[in-house]
Amino acid sequence: MRLVLLAIAVAAVLGSGAAAQDYPTRPIMLIIPTAPGGGNDVLGRVLADKMSHTLGQQIVPENRGGAAGTLAMRAIAKSSPDGYTIAVANSGTIGMAPTLYPNAGYDPRKDFAPIGLIAASTVVLVVHPSVPVRSVQDLIAFAKSNPGKLTFGSGGAGSASHLFAELFASMAGIKLTHVPFRGLGPATNDLLGGHISMIFSSVPTAIGNVRAGNLRALATTGAARSKVFPELPTIAEAGLPGYEAAQRYGLLAPAGTPRPIVARLNAALRQGLESEEVRARIADEGADPAPGTPEDYARDIDIEDTKWGKLIRDADLVQK
């Protein structure tokens, strides 16, 4: 019996190796968990183009927005683990939504085969010019003196812009009032009109209005200063030690995808991240390339899920 089982195991390994040697023999679907536009879509499409050339088969992007990206993640988790359906993932879909929504329908640690990180994007804390603050310390002091008076907009409940602000409020010991929108665009419009106080905004959304003086930028959220806003301190530098938040993008396949196929996809991804065109598009999003191994991304998923899951539970944000 042992010999039979060993033979089956050896055949499976050899079979997966042969499949990887031939892979891919037809187009690959790339599921993007958002509507067209924004970081997920931009990065997914530019990488699909570069990886297609490397792999010798077309990678076809398909946008599947809705339910904070959980619809797309459910679809990839249930797809055949043959390397022909992969997905762009982000901090929201693998770190926030699984705890925020009890019926998300997938486990970020068990239901996927990590291919690799794509990039990490910090965001910028901006306020309306009428808010009487010029630094993070000013903002925290004002919020403590006026509990609940400061309102922050977000791209929706459970979005990165929402959770970045909740982390800030939790660490600073202040109360902020959340005003969710259907996206950062509408939220920014209300901020420009003075209807809300502040936003944790993506760099592309904020940069024009900050440069024009329509909004005041206080700090960025990364561990290091932004290359786009080098004059701005990080939030940790500016008065809230230990604060760090970034929107992280990666590539996933369904759990059970043969390791040689994952390795082939990872190699194509890393080659794409070396392209000057891809690096320029990543920089346009205020992000930095984050090439690495599938194991690196698996560790990153674990850290993201732990960090944001704890915040969501501690702040009682789980959707009933």
C-alpha atoms as a PDB file:
ATOM      1  CA  MET A   1       0.000   0.000   0.000  1.00  0.00           C
ATOM      2  CA  ARG A   2       2.853   2.382   0.858  1.00  0.00           C
ATOM      3  CA  LEU A   3       4.438   1.729  -2.526  1.00  0.00           C
ATOM      4  CA  VAL A   4       1.159   2.524  -4.273  1.00  0.00           C
ATOM      5  CA  LEU A   5       0.789   5.810  -2.370  1.00  0.00           C
ATOM      6  CA  LEU A   6       4.412   6.723  -3.082  1.00  0.00           C
ATOM      7  CA  ALA A   7       3.915   6.024  -6.767  1.00  0.00           C
ATOM      8  CA  ILE A   8       0.828   8.231  -6.822  1.00  0.00           C
ATOM      9  CA  ALA A   9       2.710  11.050  -5.077  1.00  0.00           C
ATOM     10  CA  VAL A  10       5.644  10.788  -7.477  1.00  0.00           C
ATOM     11  CA  ALA A  11       3.276  10.779 -10.461  1.00  0.00           C
ATOM     12  CA  ALA A  12       1.542  13.885  -9.139  1.00  0.00           C
ATOM     13  CA  VAL A  13       4.842  15.737  -8.750  1.00  0.00           C
ATOM     14  CA  LEU A  14       6.024  14.711 -12.199  1.00  0.00           C
ATOM     15  CA  GLY A  15       2.657  15.607 -13.669  1.00  0.00           C
ATOM     16  CA  SER A  16       2.700  19.083 -12.153  1.00  0.00           C
ATOM     17  CA  GLY A  17       6.238  19.580 -13.466  1.00  0.00           C
ATOM     18  CA  ALA A  18       5.158  18.602 -16.963  1.00  0.00           C
ATOM     19  CA  ALA A  19       2.140  20.914 -16.727  1.00  0.00           C
ATOM     20  CA  ALA A  20       4.408  23.796 -15.722  1.00  0.00           C
ATOM     21  CA  GLN A  21       6.789  23.079 -18.601  1.00  0.00           C
ATOM     22  CA  ASP A  22       3.953  23.412 -21.103  1.00  0.00           C
ATOM     23  CA  TYR A  23       2.170  26.201 -19.210  1.00  0.00           C
ATOM     24  CA  PRO A  24       0.533  28.337 -20.438  1.00  0.00           C
ATOM     25  CA  THR A  25      -1.117  26.886 -23.534  1.00  0.00           C
ATOM     26  CA  ARG A  26      -4.085  29.277 -23.618  1.00  0.00           C
ATOM     27  CA  PRO A  27      -5.025  32.786 -22.389  1.00  0.00           C
ATOM     28  CA  ILE A  28      -5.032  33.524 -18.647  1.00  0.00           C
ATOM     29  CA  MET A  29      -7.834  35.474 -16.957  1.00  0.00           C
ATOM     30  CA  LEU A  30      -6.767  38.217 -14.515  1.00  0.00           C
ATOM     31  CA  ILE A  31      -9.602  39.196 -12.168  1.00  0.00           C
ATOM     32  CA  ILE A  32      -9.387  42.782 -10.894  1.00  0.00           C
ATOM     33  CA  PRO A  33     -11.530  43.321  -7.743  1.00  0.00           C
ATOM     34  CA  THR A  34     -12.602  46.886  -8.576  1.00  0.00           C
ATOM     35  CA  ALA A  35     -14.347  48.880 -11.258  1.00  0.00           C
ATOM     36  CA  PRO A  36     -12.108  50.326 -14.027  1.00  0.00           C
ATOM     37  CA  GLY A  37      -9.762  53.073 -12.830  1.00  0.00           C
ATOM     38  CA  GLY A  38      -7.682  53.325  -9.659  1.00  0.00           C
ATOM     39  CA  GLY A  39      -4.571  51.529  -8.501  1.00  0.00           C
ATOM     40  CA  ASN A  40      -5.818  47.933  -8.805  1.00  0.00           C
ATOM     41  CA  ASP A  41      -6.923  48.435 -12.400  1.00  0.00           C
ATOM     42  CA  VAL A  42      -3.899  50.460 -13.527  1.00  0.00           C
ATOM     43  CA  LEU A  43      -1.333  48.103 -12.019  1.00  0.00           C
ATOM     44  CA  GLY A  44      -3.193  44.975 -13.067  1.00  0.00           C
ATOM     45  CA  ARG A  45      -3.484  46.030 -16.693  1.00  0.00           C
ATOM     46  CA  VAL A  46       0.080  47.256 -17.167  1.00  0.00           C
ATOM     47  CA  LEU A  47       1.424  44.049 -15.608  1.00  0.00           C
ATOM     48  CA  ALA A  48      -0.939  41.886 -17.670  1.00  0.00           C
ATOM     49  CA  ASP A  49       0.572  43.378 -20.803  1.00  0.00           C
ATOM     50  CA  LYS A  50       4.185  42.784 -19.719  1.00  0.00           C
ATOM     51  CA  MET A  51       3.553  39.302 -18.326  1.00  0.00           C
ATOM     52  CA  SER A  52       1.747  38.293 -21.527  1.00  0.00           C
ATOM     53  CA  HIS A  53       4.936  38.913 -23.509  1.00  0.00           C
ATOM     54  CA  THR A  54       7.006  36.914 -21.031  1.00  0.00           C
ATOM     55  CA  LEU A  55       4.634  33.939 -20.871  1.00  0.00           C
ATOM     56  CA  GLY A  56       3.785  33.845 -24.572  1.00  0.00           C
ATOM     57  CA  GLN A  57       0.044  33.875 -23.897  1.00  0.00           C
ATOM     58  CA  GLN A  58      -2.356  36.752 -23.425  1.00  0.00           C
ATOM     59  CA  ILE A  59      -3.424  37.692 -19.900  1.00  0.00           C
ATOM     60  CA  VAL A  60      -6.970  39.060 -20.161  1.00  0.00           C
ATOM     61  CA  PRO A  61      -8.010  41.527 -17.392  1.00  0.00           C
ATOM     62  CA  GLU A  62     -11.612  41.364 -16.177  1.00  0.00           C
ATOM     63  CA  ASN A  63     -13.011  43.873 -13.669  1.00  0.00           C
ATOM     64  CA  ARG A  64     -15.328  42.403 -11.026  1.00  0.00           C
ATOM     65  CA  GLY A  65     -16.080  45.159  -8.563  1.00  0.00           C
ATOM     66  CA  GLY A  66     -18.606  45.022  -5.753  1.00  0.00           C
ATOM     67  CA  ALA A  67     -18.934  44.146  -2.061  1.00  0.00           C
ATOM     68  CA  ALA A  68     -15.539  45.667  -1.197  1.00  0.00           C
ATOM     69  CA  GLY A  69     -13.802  43.269  -3.576  1.00  0.00           C
ATOM     70  CA  THR A  70     -15.154  40.155  -1.874  1.00  0.00           C
ATOM     71  CA  LEU A  71     -17.098  39.048  -4.980  1.00  0.00           C
ATOM     72  CA  ALA A  72     -13.870  38.841  -6.972  1.00  0.00           C
ATOM     73  CA  MET A  73     -12.019  37.053  -4.180  1.00  0.00           C
ATOM     74  CA  ARG A  74     -14.798  34.471  -3.836  1.00  0.00           C
ATOM     75  CA  ALA A  75     -14.618  33.851  -7.560  1.00  0.00           C
ATOM     76  CA  ILE A  76     -10.866  33.257  -7.545  1.00  0.00           C
ATOM     77  CA  ALA A  77     -11.088  31.012  -4.446  1.00  0.00           C
ATOM     78  CA  LYS A  78     -13.575  28.776  -6.266  1.00  0.00           C
ATOM     79  CA  SER A  79     -11.738  28.738  -9.601  1.00  0.00           C
ATOM     80  CA  SER A  80      -9.883  25.739 -10.961  1.00  0.00           C
ATOM     81  CA  PRO A  81      -6.294  25.707  -9.578  1.00  0.00           C
ATOM     82  CA  ASP A  82      -4.677  25.335 -12.981  1.00  0.00           C
ATOM     83  CA  GLY A  83      -3.004  28.729 -13.365  1.00  0.00           C
ATOM     84  CA  TYR A  84      -5.538  30.050 -15.870  1.00  0.00           C
ATOM     85  CA  THR A  85      -7.437  32.235 -13.391  1.00  0.00           C
ATOM     86  CA  ILE A  86      -5.449  34.641 -11.220  1.00  0.00           C
ATOM     87  CA  ALA A  87      -6.314  37.879  -9.430  1.00  0.00           C
ATOM     88  CA  VAL A  88      -5.024  41.212  -8.211  1.00  0.00           C
ATOM     89  CA  ALA A  89      -5.451  41.478  -4.438  1.00  0.00           C
ATOM     90  CA  ASN A  90      -5.014  44.418  -2.084  1.00  0.00           C
ATOM     91  CA  SER A  91      -4.970  45.268   1.609  1.00  0.00           C
ATOM     92  CA  GLY A  92      -8.748  45.637   1.600  1.00  0.00           C
ATOM     93  CA  THR A  93      -9.512  42.253   0.071  1.00  0.00           C
ATOM     94  CA  ILE A  94      -6.976  40.177   1.996  1.00  0.00           C
ATOM     95  CA  GLY A  95      -6.547  42.177   5.217  1.00  0.00           C
ATOM     96  CA  MET A  96      -9.747  44.101   5.908  1.00  0.00           C
ATOM     97  CA  ALA A  97     -12.809  42.564   4.264  1.00  0.00           C
ATOM     98  CA  PRO A  98     -12.424  39.017   5.680  1.00  0.00           C
ATOM     99  CA  THR A  99     -12.907  40.361   9.232  1.00  0.00           C
ATOM    100  CA  LEU A 100     -15.175  43.296   8.395  1.00  0.00           C
ATOM    101  CA  TYR A 101     -17.684  41.059   6.601  1.00  0.00           C
ATOM    102  CA  PRO A 102     -18.365  37.749   8.414  1.00  0.00           C
ATOM    103  CA  ASN A 103     -19.811  36.332   5.168  1.00  0.00           C
ATOM    104  CA  ALA A 104     -16.872  37.343   2.969  1.00  0.00           C
ATOM    105  CA  GLY A 105     -16.748  33.751   1.780  1.00  0.00           C
ATOM    106  CA  TYR A 106     -13.000  33.094   1.812  1.00  0.00           C
ATOM    107  CA  ASP A 107     -10.011  32.742   4.107  1.00  0.00           C
ATOM    108  CA  PRO A 108      -7.042  34.826   2.885  1.00  0.00           C
ATOM    109  CA  ARG A 109      -4.558  32.384   4.429  1.00  0.00           C
ATOM    110  CA  LYS A 110      -6.097  29.108   3.188  1.00  0.00           C
ATOM    111  CA  ASP A 111      -7.965  29.755  -0.055  1.00  0.00           C
ATOM    112  CA  PHE A 112      -5.203  31.248  -2.188  1.00  0.00           C
ATOM    113  CA  ALA A 113      -1.757  30.466  -3.557  1.00  0.00           C
ATOM    114  CA  PRO A 114       0.255  33.713  -3.282  1.00  0.00           C
ATOM    115  CA  ILE A 115       2.171  34.539  -6.470  1.00  0.00           C
ATOM    116  CA  GLY A 116       3.911  37.713  -5.337  1.00  0.00           C
ATOM    117  CA  LEU A 117       3.623  41.302  -4.184  1.00  0.00           C
ATOM    118  CA  ILE A 118       3.280  43.992  -6.833  1.00  0.00           C
ATOM    119  CA  ALA A 119       3.653  47.285  -4.983  1.00  0.00           C
ATOM    120  CA  ALA A 120       3.031  49.185  -1.766  1.00  0.00           C
ATOM    121  CA  SER A 121       1.335  52.575  -1.907  1.00  0.00           C
ATOM    122  CA  THR A 122       1.202  55.046   0.960  1.00  0.00           C
ATOM    123  CA  VAL A 123      -1.502  57.694   1.094  1.00  0.00           C
ATOM    124  CA  VAL A 124      -1.568  61.325   2.147  1.00  0.00           C
ATOM    125  CA  LEU A 125      -3.552  62.915   4.978  1.00  0.00           C
ATOM    126  CA  VAL A 126      -5.214  66.060   3.638  1.00  0.00           C
ATOM    127  CA  VAL A 127      -7.536  68.583   5.297  1.00  0.00           C
ATOM    128  CA  HIS A 128      -9.720  71.419   4.039  1.00  0.00           C
ATOM    129  CA  PRO A 129      -7.936  74.786   4.427  1.00  0.00           C
ATOM    130  CA  SER A 130     -10.651  75.950   6.828  1.00  0.00           C
ATOM    131  CA  VAL A 131      -9.590  73.345   9.406  1.00  0.00           C
ATOM    132  CA  PRO A 132      -7.344  75.297  11.831  1.00  0.00           C
ATOM    133  CA  VAL A 133      -4.431  72.842  11.844  1.00  0.00           C
ATOM    134  CA  ARG A 134      -1.068  72.740  10.079  1.00  0.00           C
ATOM    135  CA  SER A 135       0.458  69.556  11.474  1.00  0.00           C
ATOM    136  CA  VAL A 136      -0.483  66.122  12.746  1.00  0.00           C
ATOM    137  CA  GLN A 137       0.076  67.282  16.316  1.00  0.00           C
ATOM    138  CA  ASP A 138      -2.263  70.243  15.696  1.00  0.00           C
ATOM    139  CA  LEU A 139      -4.880  67.862  14.298  1.00  0.00           C
ATOM    140  CA  ILE A 140      -4.700  65.522  17.283  1.00  0.00           C
ATOM    141  CA  ALA A 141      -4.891  68.441  19.738  1.00  0.00           C
ATOM    142  CA  PHE A 142      -7.883  69.956  17.900  1.00  0.00           C
ATOM    143  CA  ALA A 143      -9.685  66.597  17.826  1.00  0.00           C
ATOM    144  CA  LYS A 144      -9.149  66.098  21.549  1.00  0.00           C
ATOM    145  CA  SER A 145     -10.569  69.552  22.260  1.00  0.00           C
ATOM    146  CA  ASN A 146     -13.492  69.017  19.889  1.00  0.00           C
ATOM    147  CA  PRO A 147     -14.497  65.307  20.113  1.00  0.00           C
ATOM    148  CA  GLY A 148     -16.389  64.166  17.012  1.00  0.00           C
ATOM    149  CA  LYS A 149     -16.255  67.561  15.314  1.00  0.00           C
ATOM    150  CA  LEU A 150     -13.718  66.494  12.702  1.00  0.00           C
ATOM    151  CA  THR A 151     -15.302  64.472   9.909  1.00  0.00           C
ATOM    152  CA  PHE A 152     -13.375  62.253   7.524  1.00  0.00           C
ATOM    153  CA  GLY A 153     -14.507  60.982   4.159  1.00  0.00           C
ATOM    154  CA  SER A 154     -13.659  57.591   2.702  1.00  0.00           C
ATOM    155  CA  GLY A 155     -14.201  55.493  -0.388  1.00  0.00           C
ATOM    156  CA  GLY A 156     -16.726  53.425   1.590  1.00  0.00           C
ATOM    157  CA  ALA A 157     -17.027  51.408   4.789  1.00  0.00           C
ATOM    158  CA  GLY A 158     -14.135  48.976   4.979  1.00  0.00           C
ATOM    159  CA  SER A 159     -12.061  50.711   2.307  1.00  0.00           C
ATOM    160  CA  ALA A 160      -8.384  51.441   2.913  1.00  0.00           C
ATOM    161  CA  SER A 161      -9.151  55.158   3.308  1.00  0.00           C
ATOM    162  CA  HIS A 162     -11.646  54.263   6.051  1.00  0.00           C
ATOM    163  CA  LEU A 163      -9.374  51.869   7.968  1.00  0.00           C
ATOM    164  CA  PHE A 164      -6.306  54.119   7.684  1.00  0.00           C
ATOM    165  CA  ALA A 165      -8.314  56.856   9.455  1.00  0.00           C
ATOM    166  CA  GLU A 166      -9.654  54.435  12.079  1.00  0.00           C
ATOM    167  CA  LEU A 167      -6.097  53.294  12.833  1.00  0.00           C
ATOM    168  CA  PHE A 168      -5.036  56.936  13.173  1.00  0.00           C
ATOM    169  CA  ALA A 169      -7.914  57.735  15.549  1.00  0.00           C
ATOM    170  CA  SER A 170      -7.288  54.591  17.617  1.00  0.00           C
ATOM    171  CA  MET A 171      -3.563  55.255  18.042  1.00  0.00           C
ATOM    172  CA  ALA A 172      -4.073  58.972  18.731  1.00  0.00           C
ATOM    173  CA  GLY A 173      -6.903  58.395  21.219  1.00  0.00           C
ATOM    174  CA  ILE A 174      -9.290  60.738  19.410  1.00  0.00           C
ATOM    175  CA  LYS A 175     -12.831  60.562  18.033  1.00  0.00           C
ATOM    176  CA  LEU A 176     -13.437  61.223  14.342  1.00  0.00           C
ATOM    177  CA  THR A 177     -16.784  61.047  12.533  1.00  0.00           C
ATOM    178  CA  HIS A 178     -16.832  58.796   9.467  1.00  0.00           C
ATOM    179  CA  VAL A 179     -18.684  59.906   6.314  1.00  0.00           C
ATOM    180  CA  PRO A 180     -18.583  57.095   3.706  1.00  0.00           C
ATOM    181  CA  PHE A 181     -18.871  57.809  -0.026  1.00  0.00           C
ATOM    182  CA  ARG A 182     -19.119  55.623  -3.127  1.00  0.00           C
ATOM    183  CA  GLY A 183     -15.489  56.362  -3.932  1.00  0.00           C
ATOM    184  CA  LEU A 184     -12.619  58.743  -3.224  1.00  0.00           C
ATOM    185  CA  GLY A 185     -13.672  60.996  -6.106  1.00  0.00           C
ATOM    186  CA  PRO A 186     -17.023  61.997  -4.533  1.00  0.00           C
ATOM    187  CA  ALA A 187     -15.369  62.217  -1.109  1.00  0.00           C
ATOM    188  CA  THR A 188     -12.739  64.598  -2.485  1.00  0.00           C
ATOM    189  CA  ASN A 189     -15.430  66.777  -4.061  1.00  0.00           C
ATOM    190  CA  ASP A 190     -17.134  67.159  -0.677  1.00  0.00           C
ATOM    191  CA  LEU A 191     -13.785  67.907   0.969  1.00  0.00           C
ATOM    192  CA  LEU A 192     -13.108  70.634  -1.611  1.00  0.00           C
ATOM    193  CA  GLY A 193     -16.529  72.073  -0.821  1.00  0.00           C
ATOM    194  CA  GLY A 194     -15.747  72.148   2.899  1.00  0.00           C
ATOM    195  CA  HIS A 195     -18.510  69.657   3.753  1.00  0.00           C
ATOM    196  CA  ILE A 196     -16.060  67.298   5.491  1.00  0.00           C
ATOM    197  CA  SER A 197     -12.796  67.991   7.311  1.00  0.00           C
ATOM    198  CA  MET A 198     -10.232  65.488   6.064  1.00  0.00           C
ATOM    199  CA  ILE A 199      -9.420  62.423   3.968  1.00  0.00           C
ATOM    200  CA  PHE A 200      -6.693  59.807   3.828  1.00  0.00           C
ATOM    201  CA  SER A 201      -6.336  60.165   0.077  1.00  0.00           C
ATOM    202  CA  SER A 202      -4.494  58.296  -2.649  1.00  0.00           C
ATOM    203  CA  VAL A 203      -1.601  60.331  -4.045  1.00  0.00           C
ATOM    204  CA  PRO A 204      -3.013  60.673  -7.612  1.00  0.00           C
ATOM    205  CA  THR A 205      -6.340  61.916  -6.223  1.00  0.00           C
ATOM    206  CA  ALA A 206      -4.732  64.484  -3.918  1.00  0.00           C
ATOM    207  CA  ILE A 207      -1.678  65.804  -5.705  1.00  0.00           C
ATOM    208  CA  GLY A 208      -3.299  68.344  -8.048  1.00  0.00           C
ATOM    209  CA  ASN A 209      -5.429  69.939  -5.328  1.00  0.00           C
ATOM    210  CA  VAL A 210      -2.534  70.029  -2.867  1.00  0.00           C
ATOM    211  CA  ARG A 211      -0.222  71.691  -5.411  1.00  0.00           C
ATOM    212  CA  ALA A 212      -2.967  74.209  -6.263  1.00  0.00           C
ATOM    213  CA  GLY A 213      -3.523  75.060  -2.587  1.00  0.00           C
ATOM    214  CA  ASN A 214      -7.110  73.787  -2.575  1.00  0.00           C
ATOM    215  CA  LEU A 215      -6.260  71.208   0.103  1.00  0.00           C
ATOM    216  CA  ARG A 216      -3.622  71.162   2.839  1.00  0.00           C
ATOM    217  CA  ALA A 217      -1.442  68.054   3.130  1.00  0.00           C
ATOM    218  CA  LEU A 218      -0.206  67.233   6.633  1.00  0.00           C
ATOM    219  CA  ALA A 219       1.675  63.940   6.324  1.00  0.00           C
ATOM    220  CA  THR A 220       1.943  60.614   4.541  1.00  0.00           C
ATOM    221  CA  THR A 221       1.228  57.174   5.982  1.00  0.00           C
ATOM    222  CA  GLY A 222       4.288  55.099   5.062  1.00  0.00           C
ATOM    223  CA  ALA A 223       7.336  54.014   6.984  1.00  0.00           C
ATOM    224  CA  ALA A 224       9.429  56.378   4.835  1.00  0.00           C
ATOM    225  CA  ARG A 225       8.664  59.692   3.156  1.00  0.00           C
ATOM    226  CA  SER A 226       6.831  59.691  -0.159  1.00  0.00           C
ATOM    227  CA  LYS A 227       8.880  60.330  -3.289  1.00  0.00           C
ATOM    228  CA  VAL A 228       5.967  62.419  -4.568  1.00  0.00           C
ATOM    229  CA  PHE A 229       5.721  64.507  -1.376  1.00  0.00           C
ATOM    230  CA  PRO A 230       9.289  64.430   0.010  1.00  0.00           C
ATOM    231  CA  GLU A 231       8.661  67.661   1.914  1.00  0.00           C
ATOM    232  CA  LEU A 232       5.941  66.009   4.024  1.00  0.00           C
ATOM    233  CA  PRO A 233       6.812  64.046   7.173  1.00  0.00           C
ATOM    234  CA  THR A 234       5.367  60.622   7.783  1.00  0.00           C
ATOM    235  CA  ILE A 235       2.621  60.471  10.407  1.00  0.00           C
ATOM    236  CA  ALA A 236       5.059  58.624  12.665  1.00  0.00           C
ATOM    237  CA  GLU A 237       7.615  61.434  12.270  1.00  0.00           C
ATOM    238  CA  ALA A 238       4.973  64.099  12.766  1.00  0.00           C
ATOM    239  CA  GLY A 239       3.742  63.063  16.174  1.00  0.00           C
ATOM    240  CA  LEU A 240       2.253  59.557  16.174  1.00  0.00           C
ATOM    241  CA  PRO A 241       5.158  57.097  16.614  1.00  0.00           C
ATOM    242  CA  GLY A 242       4.503  53.613  15.303  1.00  0.00           C
ATOM    243  CA  TYR A 243       1.818  54.612  12.814  1.00  0.00           C
ATOM    244  CA  GLU A 244       2.294  52.977   9.428  1.00  0.00           C
ATOM    245  CA  ALA A 245      -0.266  52.087   6.768  1.00  0.00           C
ATOM    246  CA  ALA A 246       0.054  51.268   3.088  1.00  0.00           C
ATOM    247  CA  GLN A 247      -2.222  49.923   0.396  1.00  0.00           C
ATOM    248  CA  ARG A 248      -0.471  46.755  -0.720  1.00  0.00           C
ATOM    249  CA  TYR A 249      -1.148  45.081  -4.058  1.00  0.00           C
ATOM    250  CA  GLY A 250      -0.348  41.480  -4.946  1.00  0.00           C
ATOM    251  CA  LEU A 251      -1.101  38.632  -7.321  1.00  0.00           C
ATOM    252  CA  LEU A 252      -2.938  35.463  -6.226  1.00  0.00           C
ATOM    253  CA  ALA A 253      -4.033  32.128  -7.674  1.00  0.00           C
ATOM    254  CA  PRO A 254      -6.499  29.606  -6.205  1.00  0.00           C
ATOM    255  CA  ALA A 255      -5.167  27.345  -3.465  1.00  0.00           C
ATOM    256  CA  GLY A 256      -3.817  24.110  -4.897  1.00  0.00           C
ATOM    257  CA  THR A 257      -2.264  25.688  -7.984  1.00  0.00           C
ATOM    258  CA  PRO A 258       0.870  23.601  -8.717  1.00  0.00           C
ATOM    259  CA  ARG A 259       4.026  25.157  -7.281  1.00  0.00           C
ATOM    260  CA  PRO A 260       5.909  25.073 -10.626  1.00  0.00           C
ATOM    261  CA  ILE A 261       3.099  27.125 -12.214  1.00  0.00           C
ATOM    262  CA  VAL A 262       3.142  29.589  -9.314  1.00  0.00           C
ATOM    263  CA  ALA A 263       6.919  29.869  -9.740  1.00  0.00           C
ATOM    264  CA  ARG A 264       6.503  30.542 -13.476  1.00  0.00           C
ATOM    265  CA  LEU A 265       3.957  33.295 -12.779  1.00  0.00           C
ATOM    266  CA  ASN A 266       6.169  34.776 -10.054  1.00  0.00           C
ATOM    267  CA  ALA A 267       9.132  34.924 -12.448  1.00  0.00           C
ATOM    268  CA  ALA A 268       6.994  36.691 -15.065  1.00  0.00           C
ATOM    269  CA  LEU A 269       5.683  39.120 -12.431  1.00  0.00           C
ATOM    270  CA  ARG A 270       9.171  39.990 -11.199  1.00  0.00           C
ATOM    271  CA  GLN A 271      10.393  40.483 -14.745  1.00  0.00           C
ATOM    272  CA  GLY A 272       7.447  42.812 -15.364  1.00  0.00           C
ATOM    273  CA  LEU A 273       8.306  44.807 -12.244  1.00  0.00           C
ATOM    274  CA  GLU A 274      11.776  45.442 -13.677  1.00  0.00           C
ATOM    275  CA  SER A 275      10.279  47.165 -16.734  1.00  0.00           C
ATOM    276  CA  GLU A 276      10.770  50.934 -16.850  1.00  0.00           C
ATOM    277  CA  GLU A 277       7.207  51.364 -18.110  1.00  0.00           C
ATOM    278  CA  VAL A 278       5.732  49.393 -15.213  1.00  0.00           C
ATOM    279  CA  ARG A 279       7.899  51.162 -12.658  1.00  0.00           C
ATOM    280  CA  ALA A 280       6.813  54.537 -14.076  1.00  0.00           C
ATOM    281  CA  ARG A 281       3.124  53.598 -13.795  1.00  0.00           C
ATOM    282  CA  ILE A 282       3.677  52.372 -10.248  1.00  0.00           C
ATOM    283  CA  ALA A 283       5.365  55.689  -9.404  1.00  0.00           C
ATOM    284  CA  ASP A 284       2.371  57.549 -10.888  1.00  0.00           C
ATOM    285  CA  GLU A 285       0.233  55.809  -8.258  1.00  0.00           C
ATOM    286  CA  GLY A 286       2.538  57.063  -5.501  1.00  0.00           C
ATOM    287  CA  ALA A 287       3.726  53.494  -4.965  1.00  0.00           C
ATOM    288  CA  ASP A 288       6.972  51.545  -4.882  1.00  0.00           C
ATOM    289  CA  PRO A 289       7.556  48.164  -6.568  1.00  0.00           C
ATOM    290  CA  ALA A 290       7.719  45.272  -4.101  1.00  0.00           C
ATOM    291  CA  PRO A 291       9.148  42.232  -5.913  1.00  0.00           C
ATOM    292  CA  GLY A 292       9.550  39.057  -3.899  1.00  0.00           C
ATOM    293  CA  THR A 293       8.851  35.362  -3.664  1.00  0.00           C
ATOM    294  CA  PRO A 294       5.477  33.659  -3.132  1.00  0.00           C
ATOM    295  CA  GLU A 295       6.646  32.941   0.420  1.00  0.00           C
ATOM    296  CA  ASP A 296       7.281  36.664   0.975  1.00  0.00           C
ATOM    297  CA  TYR A 297       3.731  37.437  -0.101  1.00  0.00           C
ATOM    298  CA  ALA A 298       2.306  34.663   2.101  1.00  0.00           C
ATOM    299  CA  ARG A 299       3.977  36.291   5.119  1.00  0.00           C
ATOM    300  CA  ASP A 300       2.657  39.694   4.036  1.00  0.00           C
ATOM    301  CA  ILE A 301      -0.908  38.344   3.820  1.00  0.00           C
ATOM    302  CA  ASP A 302      -0.601  36.950   7.342  1.00  0.00           C
ATOM    303  CA  ILE A 303       0.645  40.292   8.692  1.00  0.00           C
ATOM    304  CA  GLU A 304      -2.066  42.306   6.879  1.00  0.00           C
ATOM    305  CA  ASP A 305      -4.886  39.999   8.003  1.00  0.00           C
ATOM    306  CA  THR A 306      -3.665  40.066  11.605  1.00  0.00           C
ATOM    307  CA  LYS A 307      -3.135  43.843  11.742  1.00  0.00           C
ATOM    308  CA  TRP A 308      -6.388  44.984  10.171  1.00  0.00           C
ATOM    309  CA  GLY A 309      -8.468  42.195  11.666  1.00  0.00           C
ATOM    310  CA  LYS A 310      -7.421  43.230  15.165  1.00  0.00           C
ATOM    311  CA  LEU A 311      -8.213  46.897  14.464  1.00  0.00           C
ATOM    312  CA  ILE A 312     -11.651  46.039  13.071  1.00  0.00           C
ATOM    313  CA  ARG A 313     -12.533  43.896  16.077  1.00  0.00           C
ATOM    314  CA  ASP A 314     -11.125  46.349  18.640  1.00  0.00           C
ATOM    315  CA  ALA A 315     -13.001  49.276  17.073  1.00  0.00           C
ATOM    316  CA  ASP A 316     -16.205  47.190  16.811  1.00  0.00           C
ATOM    317  CA  LEU A 317     -16.422  47.724  13.030  1.00  0.00           C
ATOM    318  CA  VAL A 318     -17.531  44.197  12.092  1.00  0.00           C
ATOM    319  CA  GLN A 319     -20.630  44.478   9.901  1.00  0.00           C
ATOM    320  CA  LYS A 320     -23.653  42.901  11.542  1.00  0.00           C
END
